[in-house]
PDB file of N, CA and C in Angstrom:
ATOM      1  N   MET A   1       3.953 165.675  -3.759  1.00  0.00           N
ATOM      2  CA  MET A   1       2.661 166.810  -4.265  1.00  0.00           C
ATOM      3  C   MET A   1       3.026 167.703  -2.504  1.00  0.00           C
ATOM      4  N   SER A   2       2.273 169.040  -2.627  1.00  0.00           N
ATOM      5  CA  SER A   2       2.537 169.587  -1.697  1.00  0.00           C
ATOM      6  C   SER A   2       0.529 169.201  -1.081  1.00  0.00           C
ATOM      7  N   THR A   3       0.392 169.467   0.139  1.00  0.00           N
ATOM      8  CA  THR A   3      -0.791 170.002   0.661  1.00  0.00           C
ATOM      9  C   THR A   3      -1.973 170.769   0.138  1.00  0.00           C
ATOM     10  N   THR A   4      -1.474 171.837  -0.587  1.00  0.00           N
ATOM     11  CA  THR A   4      -2.202 172.397  -1.120  1.00  0.00           C
ATOM     12  C   THR A   4      -3.342 172.126  -2.352  1.00  0.00           C
ATOM     13  N   SER A   5      -4.690 172.676  -2.393  1.00  0.00           N
ATOM     14  CA  SER A   5      -5.486 171.802  -3.583  1.00  0.00           C
ATOM     15  C   SER A   5      -5.128 172.482  -4.868  1.00  0.00           C
ATOM     16  N   LEU A   6      -4.830 171.938  -5.969  1.00  0.00           N
ATOM     17  CA  LEU A   6      -4.597 171.822  -7.133  1.00  0.00           C
ATOM     18  C   LEU A   6      -6.183 172.604  -7.733  1.00  0.00           C
ATOM     19  N   PRO A   7      -5.808 174.282  -8.263  1.00  0.00           N
ATOM     20  CA  PRO A   7      -6.734 175.040  -8.833  1.00  0.00           C
ATOM     21  C   PRO A   7      -7.278 173.997  -9.806  1.00  0.00           C
ATOM     22  N   GLU A   8      -8.403 174.397 -10.123  1.00  0.00           N
ATOM     23  CA  GLU A   8      -9.357 173.874 -11.144  1.00  0.00           C
ATOM     24  C   GLU A   8      -9.607 174.870 -12.218  1.00  0.00           C
ATOM     25  N   PRO A   9      -9.214 174.848 -13.284  1.00  0.00           N
ATOM     26  CA  PRO A   9      -9.741 175.984 -14.377  1.00  0.00           C
ATOM     27  C   PRO A   9     -11.011 175.565 -14.481  1.00  0.00           C
ATOM     28  N   LYS A  10     -11.492 177.133 -15.235  1.00  0.00           N
ATOM     29  CA  LYS A  10     -12.815 177.002 -15.416  1.00  0.00           C
ATOM     30  C   LYS A  10     -13.359 177.265 -16.820  1.00  0.00           C
ATOM     31  N   SER A  11     -12.823 177.418 -17.664  1.00  0.00           N
ATOM     32  CA  SER A  11     -12.306 176.936 -18.881  1.00  0.00           C
ATOM     33  C   SER A  11     -11.154 176.780 -19.797  1.00  0.00           C
ATOM     34  N   MET A  12     -11.291 176.236 -20.954  1.00  0.00           N
ATOM     35  CA  MET A  12      -9.707 175.859 -21.833  1.00  0.00           C
ATOM     36  C   MET A  12     -10.443 176.185 -23.228  1.00  0.00           C
ATOM     37  N   THR A  13      -9.551 176.818 -24.043  1.00  0.00           N
ATOM     38  CA  THR A  13      -9.645 177.299 -25.482  1.00  0.00           C
ATOM     39  C   THR A  13      -8.445 176.848 -25.798  1.00  0.00           C
ATOM     40  N   ARG A  14      -8.647 176.854 -27.147  1.00  0.00           N
ATOM     41  CA  ARG A  14      -7.108 176.202 -28.023  1.00  0.00           C
ATOM     42  C   ARG A  14      -6.659 177.543 -28.222  1.00  0.00           C
ATOM     43  N   ALA A  15      -5.483 177.680 -28.661  1.00  0.00           N
ATOM     44  CA  ALA A  15      -4.956 178.715 -29.154  1.00  0.00           C
ATOM     45  C   ALA A  15      -4.859 178.705 -30.833  1.00  0.00           C
ATOM     46  N   THR A  16      -5.234 179.663 -31.618  1.00  0.00           N
ATOM     47  CA  THR A  16      -5.199 179.925 -33.067  1.00  0.00           C
ATOM     48  C   THR A  16      -4.088 180.739 -33.690  1.00  0.00           C
ATOM     49  N   LYS A  17      -2.894 181.800 -33.069  1.00  0.00           N
ATOM     50  CA  LYS A  17      -2.165 182.065 -33.009  1.00  0.00           C
ATOM     51  C   LYS A  17      -0.780 182.172 -32.059  1.00  0.00           C
ATOM     52  N   TRP A  18       0.348 182.064 -32.284  1.00  0.00           N
ATOM     53  CA  TRP A  18       1.335 182.610 -31.411  1.00  0.00           C
ATOM     54  C   TRP A  18       1.218 183.819 -31.026  1.00  0.00           C
ATOM     55  N   SER A  19       1.452 183.630 -29.391  1.00  0.00           N
ATOM     56  CA  SER A  19       1.776 184.788 -28.583  1.00  0.00           C
ATOM     57  C   SER A  19       2.365 184.315 -27.569  1.00  0.00           C
ATOM     58  N   GLU A  20       2.753 185.472 -26.627  1.00  0.00           N
ATOM     59  CA  GLU A  20       3.337 185.702 -25.431  1.00  0.00           C
ATOM     60  C   GLU A  20       3.012 184.740 -24.152  1.00  0.00           C
ATOM     61  N   GLU A  21       1.409 184.755 -24.679  1.00  0.00           N
ATOM     62  CA  GLU A  21       0.781 183.854 -23.870  1.00  0.00           C
ATOM     63  C   GLU A  21       0.594 182.616 -23.846  1.00  0.00           C
ATOM     64  N   VAL A  22       0.505 181.953 -25.302  1.00  0.00           N
ATOM     65  CA  VAL A  22       0.938 180.730 -25.968  1.00  0.00           C
ATOM     66  C   VAL A  22       2.074 180.411 -25.472  1.00  0.00           C
ATOM     67  N   GLU A  23       3.163 180.591 -25.641  1.00  0.00           N
ATOM     68  CA  GLU A  23       4.494 180.751 -25.665  1.00  0.00           C
ATOM     69  C   GLU A  23       4.594 179.971 -24.066  1.00  0.00           C
ATOM     70  N   GLU A  24       3.908 180.897 -23.345  1.00  0.00           N
ATOM     71  CA  GLU A  24       4.089 180.748 -21.871  1.00  0.00           C
ATOM     72  C   GLU A  24       3.489 179.305 -21.447  1.00  0.00           C
ATOM     73  N   ALA A  25       2.133 178.962 -22.027  1.00  0.00           N
ATOM     74  CA  ALA A  25       1.740 178.017 -22.046  1.00  0.00           C
ATOM     75  C   ALA A  25       2.216 176.524 -22.249  1.00  0.00           C
ATOM     76  N   TYR A  26       3.032 176.668 -23.698  1.00  0.00           N
ATOM     77  CA  TYR A  26       3.530 175.869 -24.530  1.00  0.00           C
ATOM     78  C   TYR A  26       4.569 175.268 -23.481  1.00  0.00           C
ATOM     79  N   ARG A  27       5.242 176.353 -22.883  1.00  0.00           N
ATOM     80  CA  ARG A  27       6.444 175.653 -21.811  1.00  0.00           C
ATOM     81  C   ARG A  27       6.137 174.992 -20.345  1.00  0.00           C
ATOM     82  N   PHE A  28       5.325 175.308 -20.037  1.00  0.00           N
ATOM     83  CA  PHE A  28       3.994 174.606 -18.820  1.00  0.00           C
ATOM     84  C   PHE A  28       4.148 173.502 -19.243  1.00  0.00           C
ATOM     85  N   GLN A  29       3.370 172.937 -20.474  1.00  0.00           N
ATOM     86  CA  GLN A  29       2.621 172.204 -21.238  1.00  0.00           C
ATOM     87  C   GLN A  29       3.979 170.441 -21.274  1.00  0.00           C
ATOM     88  N   ILE A  30       4.365 171.341 -21.972  1.00  0.00           N
ATOM     89  CA  ILE A  30       5.652 170.371 -22.359  1.00  0.00           C
ATOM     90  C   ILE A  30       6.286 169.921 -20.891  1.00  0.00           C
ATOM     91  N   ALA A  31       6.036 170.711 -19.621  1.00  0.00           N
ATOM     92  CA  ALA A  31       6.801 170.121 -18.394  1.00  0.00           C
ATOM     93  C   ALA A  31       5.794 169.108 -18.067  1.00  0.00           C
ATOM     94  N   GLY A  32       4.701 169.361 -18.396  1.00  0.00           N
ATOM     95  CA  GLY A  32       3.257 168.256 -17.610  1.00  0.00           C
ATOM     96  C   GLY A  32       2.632 169.205 -16.682  1.00  0.00           C
ATOM     97  N   TYR A  33       2.157 170.485 -16.887  1.00  0.00           N
ATOM     98  CA  TYR A  33       2.004 171.220 -16.119  1.00  0.00           C
ATOM     99  C   TYR A  33       0.165 172.322 -17.174  1.00  0.00           C
ATOM    100  N   LYS A  34      -1.021 172.351 -16.431  1.00  0.00           N
ATOM    101  CA  LYS A  34      -1.222 172.945 -17.188  1.00  0.00           C
ATOM    102  C   LYS A  34      -1.405 174.971 -17.186  1.00  0.00           C
ATOM    103  N   GLY A  35      -0.552 175.325 -16.320  1.00  0.00           N
ATOM    104  CA  GLY A  35       0.115 176.551 -16.402  1.00  0.00           C
ATOM    105  C   GLY A  35       0.809 176.767 -15.200  1.00  0.00           C
ATOM    106  N   GLU A  36       0.651 177.990 -14.748  1.00  0.00           N
ATOM    107  CA  GLU A  36       1.443 178.604 -13.456  1.00  0.00           C
ATOM    108  C   GLU A  36       1.123 178.719 -12.649  1.00  0.00           C
ATOM    109  N   GLN A  37      -0.304 179.003 -12.124  1.00  0.00           N
ATOM    110  CA  GLN A  37      -0.940 178.130 -11.172  1.00  0.00           C
ATOM    111  C   GLN A  37      -0.844 176.540 -10.594  1.00  0.00           C
ATOM    112  N   GLU A  38      -0.679 175.747 -11.277  1.00  0.00           N
ATOM    113  CA  GLU A  38      -0.541 174.448 -11.087  1.00  0.00           C
ATOM    114  C   GLU A  38       0.842 173.969 -11.017  1.00  0.00           C
ATOM    115  N   TYR A  39       1.862 174.978 -11.311  1.00  0.00           N
ATOM    116  CA  TYR A  39       3.013 174.497 -11.156  1.00  0.00           C
ATOM    117  C   TYR A  39       3.429 175.201  -9.850  1.00  0.00           C
ATOM    118  N   VAL A  40       2.960 176.373  -9.568  1.00  0.00           N
ATOM    119  CA  VAL A  40       3.193 176.864  -7.797  1.00  0.00           C
ATOM    120  C   VAL A  40       2.709 175.762  -7.053  1.00  0.00           C
ATOM    121  N   ALA A  41       1.238 175.597  -7.419  1.00  0.00           N
ATOM    122  CA  ALA A  41       0.850 174.785  -6.143  1.00  0.00           C
ATOM    123  C   ALA A  41       0.932 173.355  -5.901  1.00  0.00           C
ATOM    124  N   VAL A  42       1.909 172.941  -6.756  1.00  0.00           N
ATOM    125  CA  VAL A  42       2.618 171.458  -6.847  1.00  0.00           C
ATOM    126  C   VAL A  42       3.821 171.832  -5.993  1.00  0.00           C
ATOM    127  N   LYS A  43       4.696 172.635  -6.913  1.00  0.00           N
ATOM    128  CA  LYS A  43       6.440 172.685  -6.733  1.00  0.00           C
ATOM    129  C   LYS A  43       6.412 173.708  -5.431  1.00  0.00           C
ATOM    130  N   GLY A  44       5.562 174.741  -5.382  1.00  0.00           N
ATOM    131  CA  GLY A  44       5.894 175.711  -4.345  1.00  0.00           C
ATOM    132  C   GLY A  44       6.697 176.921  -4.348  1.00  0.00           C
ATOM    133  N   SER A  45       7.765 176.701  -5.673  1.00  0.00           N
ATOM    134  CA  SER A  45       8.657 177.160  -5.765  1.00  0.00           C
ATOM    135  C   SER A  45       8.461 178.413  -7.041  1.00  0.00           C
ATOM    136  N   GLU A  46       9.561 179.029  -7.043  1.00  0.00           N
ATOM    137  CA  GLU A  46       9.333 180.498  -7.642  1.00  0.00           C
ATOM    138  C   GLU A  46       9.558 179.658  -9.289  1.00  0.00           C
ATOM    139  N   ILE A  47       9.153 180.779 -10.372  1.00  0.00           N
ATOM    140  CA  ILE A  47       9.698 180.231 -11.882  1.00  0.00           C
ATOM    141  C   ILE A  47      11.100 181.051 -12.212  1.00  0.00           C
ATOM    142  N   ASP A  48      11.831 180.234 -12.844  1.00  0.00           N
ATOM    143  CA  ASP A  48      13.311 180.987 -13.006  1.00  0.00           C
ATOM    144  C   ASP A  48      12.755 181.552 -14.446  1.00  0.00           C
ATOM    145  N   ARG A  49      13.034 182.757 -14.773  1.00  0.00           N
ATOM    146  CA  ARG A  49      12.874 182.715 -15.950  1.00  0.00           C
ATOM    147  C   ARG A  49      14.007 184.138 -16.407  1.00  0.00           C
ATOM    148  N   TRP A  50      14.125 183.909 -17.926  1.00  0.00           N
ATOM    149  CA  TRP A  50      15.298 185.111 -18.708  1.00  0.00           C
ATOM    150  C   TRP A  50      15.239 186.240 -17.942  1.00  0.00           C
ATOM    151  N   PRO A  51      16.215 186.854 -18.065  1.00  0.00           N
ATOM    152  CA  PRO A  51      16.192 188.892 -17.438  1.00  0.00           C
ATOM    153  C   PRO A  51      15.419 189.170 -18.787  1.00  0.00           C
ATOM    154  N   ASN A  52      16.247 189.406 -19.956  1.00  0.00           N
ATOM    155  CA  ASN A  52      15.758 190.155 -20.934  1.00  0.00           C
ATOM    156  C   ASN A  52      14.049 189.776 -21.501  1.00  0.00           C
ATOM    157  N   SER A  53      14.126 188.660 -21.981  1.00  0.00           N
ATOM    158  CA  SER A  53      12.483 188.487 -22.190  1.00  0.00           C
ATOM    159  C   SER A  53      11.651 187.712 -21.771  1.00  0.00           C
ATOM    160  N   GLY A  54      12.078 188.051 -20.059  1.00  0.00           N
ATOM    161  CA  GLY A  54      11.229 187.102 -19.257  1.00  0.00           C
ATOM    162  C   GLY A  54      10.338 185.602 -19.488  1.00  0.00           C
ATOM    163  N   TYR A  55      10.580 185.272 -20.574  1.00  0.00           N
ATOM    164  CA  TYR A  55      10.440 183.513 -20.322  1.00  0.00           C
ATOM    165  C   TYR A  55      11.301 183.195 -19.783  1.00  0.00           C
ATOM    166  N   ILE A  56      10.248 182.010 -19.429  1.00  0.00           N
ATOM    167  CA  ILE A  56      10.622 181.051 -18.724  1.00  0.00           C
ATOM    168  C   ILE A  56      11.637 180.335 -18.898  1.00  0.00           C
ATOM    169  N   LYS A  57      12.966 180.106 -18.144  1.00  0.00           N
ATOM    170  CA  LYS A  57      14.083 179.630 -18.119  1.00  0.00           C
ATOM    171  C   LYS A  57      14.477 178.236 -18.091  1.00  0.00           C
ATOM    172  N   LYS A  58      13.581 177.540 -16.360  1.00  0.00           N
ATOM    173  CA  LYS A  58      13.996 176.539 -16.406  1.00  0.00           C
ATOM    174  C   LYS A  58      12.876 175.789 -15.403  1.00  0.00           C
ATOM    175  N   LEU A  59      12.479 174.838 -15.826  1.00  0.00           N
ATOM    176  CA  LEU A  59      10.377 174.142 -14.818  1.00  0.00           C
ATOM    177  C   LEU A  59      11.239 172.759 -14.449  1.00  0.00           C
ATOM    178  N   VAL A  60      10.841 172.543 -13.124  1.00  0.00           N
ATOM    179  CA  VAL A  60      11.495 171.453 -12.790  1.00  0.00           C
ATOM    180  C   VAL A  60       9.937 170.471 -12.871  1.00  0.00           C
ATOM    181  N   ARG A  61       9.951 169.352 -13.894  1.00  0.00           N
ATOM    182  CA  ARG A  61       9.285 168.461 -14.073  1.00  0.00           C
ATOM    183  C   ARG A  61       8.351 167.585 -12.951  1.00  0.00           C
ATOM    184  N   LYS A  62       7.426 166.932 -12.693  1.00  0.00           N
ATOM    185  CA  LYS A  62       6.826 166.362 -11.314  1.00  0.00           C
ATOM    186  C   LYS A  62       7.572 164.938 -11.228  1.00  0.00           C
ATOM    187  N   ASP A  63       8.233 164.252 -12.121  1.00  0.00           N
ATOM    188  CA  ASP A  63       9.105 163.200 -11.690  1.00  0.00           C
ATOM    189  C   ASP A  63      10.610 164.029 -11.202  1.00  0.00           C
ATOM    190  N   GLY A  64      10.894 165.089 -10.816  1.00  0.00           N
ATOM    191  CA  GLY A  64      12.185 165.530 -10.445  1.00  0.00           C
ATOM    192  C   GLY A  64      12.595 166.298 -11.585  1.00  0.00           C
ATOM    193  N   ASN A  65      13.048 166.098 -12.950  1.00  0.00           N
ATOM    194  CA  ASN A  65      13.479 166.224 -14.159  1.00  0.00           C
ATOM    195  C   ASN A  65      13.231 167.727 -14.289  1.00  0.00           C
ATOM    196  N   PHE A  66      14.430 168.070 -15.023  1.00  0.00           N
ATOM    197  CA  PHE A  66      14.534 169.965 -15.363  1.00  0.00           C
ATOM    198  C   PHE A  66      14.327 170.070 -16.939  1.00  0.00           C
ATOM    199  N   TYR A  67      13.630 171.236 -17.045  1.00  0.00           N
ATOM    200  CA  TYR A  67      13.492 171.305 -18.500  1.00  0.00           C
ATOM    201  C   TYR A  67      14.312 172.716 -18.277  1.00  0.00           C
ATOM    202  N   TYR A  68      14.748 172.669 -19.925  1.00  0.00           N
ATOM    203  CA  TYR A  68      15.662 173.960 -19.989  1.00  0.00           C
ATOM    204  C   TYR A  68      14.916 174.723 -21.032  1.00  0.00           C
ATOM    205  N   TYR A  69      14.898 175.946 -21.079  1.00  0.00           N
ATOM    206  CA  TYR A  69      14.291 176.783 -22.527  1.00  0.00           C
ATOM    207  C   TYR A  69      15.110 177.592 -22.676  1.00  0.00           C
ATOM    208  N   ASN A  70      15.373 177.820 -23.833  1.00  0.00           N
ATOM    209  CA  ASN A  70      15.906 178.892 -24.884  1.00  0.00           C
ATOM    210  C   ASN A  70      15.412 180.426 -24.569  1.00  0.00           C
ATOM    211  N   LYS A  71      16.258 181.482 -24.769  1.00  0.00           N
ATOM    212  CA  LYS A  71      15.578 183.164 -24.419  1.00  0.00           C
ATOM    213  C   LYS A  71      14.481 183.281 -25.627  1.00  0.00           C
ATOM    214  N   ASP A  72      14.751 182.955 -26.634  1.00  0.00           N
ATOM    215  CA  ASP A  72      13.923 182.666 -27.793  1.00  0.00           C
ATOM    216  C   ASP A  72      12.375 181.948 -27.621  1.00  0.00           C
ATOM    217  N   ARG A  73      12.211 182.104 -28.506  1.00  0.00           N
ATOM    218  CA  ARG A  73      10.470 181.634 -28.873  1.00  0.00           C
ATOM    219  C   ARG A  73      10.908 180.085 -29.316  1.00  0.00           C
ATOM    220  N   GLU A  74      10.096 179.342 -28.204  1.00  0.00           N
ATOM    221  CA  GLU A  74      10.283 178.017 -28.464  1.00  0.00           C
ATOM    222  C   GLU A  74       8.841 177.017 -29.520  1.00  0.00           C
ATOM    223  N   CYS A  75       8.127 177.764 -29.212  1.00  0.00           N
ATOM    224  CA  CYS A  75       6.736 176.705 -29.941  1.00  0.00           C
ATOM    225  C   CYS A  75       7.158 177.045 -31.159  1.00  0.00           C
ATOM    226  N   PRO A  76       6.785 176.109 -31.783  1.00  0.00           N
ATOM    227  CA  PRO A  76       7.018 176.121 -33.547  1.00  0.00           C
ATOM    228  C   PRO A  76       5.388 176.182 -33.823  1.00  0.00           C
ATOM    229  N   ASP A  77       5.340 177.254 -35.247  1.00  0.00           N
ATOM    230  CA  ASP A  77       3.930 177.521 -35.776  1.00  0.00           C
ATOM    231  C   ASP A  77       2.810 176.071 -35.821  1.00  0.00           C
ATOM    232  N   LYS A  78       3.835 174.940 -35.915  1.00  0.00           N
ATOM    233  CA  LYS A  78       3.046 173.594 -36.322  1.00  0.00           C
ATOM    234  C   LYS A  78       2.522 173.626 -34.673  1.00  0.00           C
ATOM    235  N   ASP A  79       2.620 173.256 -33.664  1.00  0.00           N
ATOM    236  CA  ASP A  79       2.294 173.442 -32.212  1.00  0.00           C
ATOM    237  C   ASP A  79       1.496 174.081 -31.281  1.00  0.00           C
ATOM    238  N   VAL A  80       1.178 175.369 -32.913  1.00  0.00           N
ATOM    239  CA  VAL A  80       0.189 176.418 -31.787  1.00  0.00           C
ATOM    240  C   VAL A  80      -1.208 175.748 -31.665  1.00  0.00           C
ATOM    241  N   ARG A  81      -1.564 175.231 -32.487  1.00  0.00           N
ATOM    242  CA  ARG A  81      -3.028 174.655 -32.391  1.00  0.00           C
ATOM    243  C   ARG A  81      -3.765 173.485 -31.552  1.00  0.00           C
ATOM    244  N   GLN A  82      -2.425 173.049 -30.650  1.00  0.00           N
ATOM    245  CA  GLN A  82      -2.209 172.253 -29.832  1.00  0.00           C
ATOM    246  C   GLN A  82      -2.384 172.607 -28.046  1.00  0.00           C
ATOM    247  N   ILE A  83      -2.104 173.816 -28.244  1.00  0.00           N
ATOM    248  CA  ILE A  83      -1.712 174.760 -26.975  1.00  0.00           C
ATOM    249  C   ILE A  83      -2.862 174.859 -25.935  1.00  0.00           C
ATOM    250  N   LYS A  84      -3.059 174.662 -25.223  1.00  0.00           N
ATOM    251  CA  LYS A  84      -4.473 174.743 -24.758  1.00  0.00           C
ATOM    252  C   LYS A  84      -4.387 175.642 -23.611  1.00  0.00           C
ATOM    253  N   ILE A  85      -5.302 176.790 -23.572  1.00  0.00           N
ATOM    254  CA  ILE A  85      -5.264 178.288 -22.782  1.00  0.00           C
ATOM    255  C   ILE A  85      -5.846 177.945 -21.339  1.00  0.00           C
ATOM    256  N   TYR A  86      -5.852 178.093 -20.427  1.00  0.00           N
ATOM    257  CA  TYR A  86      -6.855 177.990 -19.699  1.00  0.00           C
ATOM    258  C   TYR A  86      -7.195 179.129 -18.557  1.00  0.00           C
ATOM    259  N   SER A  87      -8.307 179.160 -18.507  1.00  0.00           N
ATOM    260  CA  SER A  87      -8.930 180.945 -17.390  1.00  0.00           C
ATOM    261  C   SER A  87      -9.428 179.944 -16.065  1.00  0.00           C
ATOM    262  N   TYR A  88      -8.850 181.277 -14.935  1.00  0.00           N
ATOM    263  CA  TYR A  88      -9.288 180.305 -13.667  1.00  0.00           C
ATOM    264  C   TYR A  88      -9.837 181.182 -13.460  1.00  0.00           C
TER     265      TYR A  88
END
């Protein structure tokens, strides 16, 4: 881990319907992070994104393994309510 301190979220809410923000949070949480701020603080690297959609293309998990994502939506409707949206 890097020497920078991890950002602490001020609040957390659960998603109620799908949006691009929920999709982004889903991809980070599948890889083991709360969000982009935590990923950048831990990995200190830029996030790979798909050029057309802007969705996350690849993330490195905390154990060093990679998660690869498709260009299209990946968060199924049944999982939307499990996604946590953090506010910093």
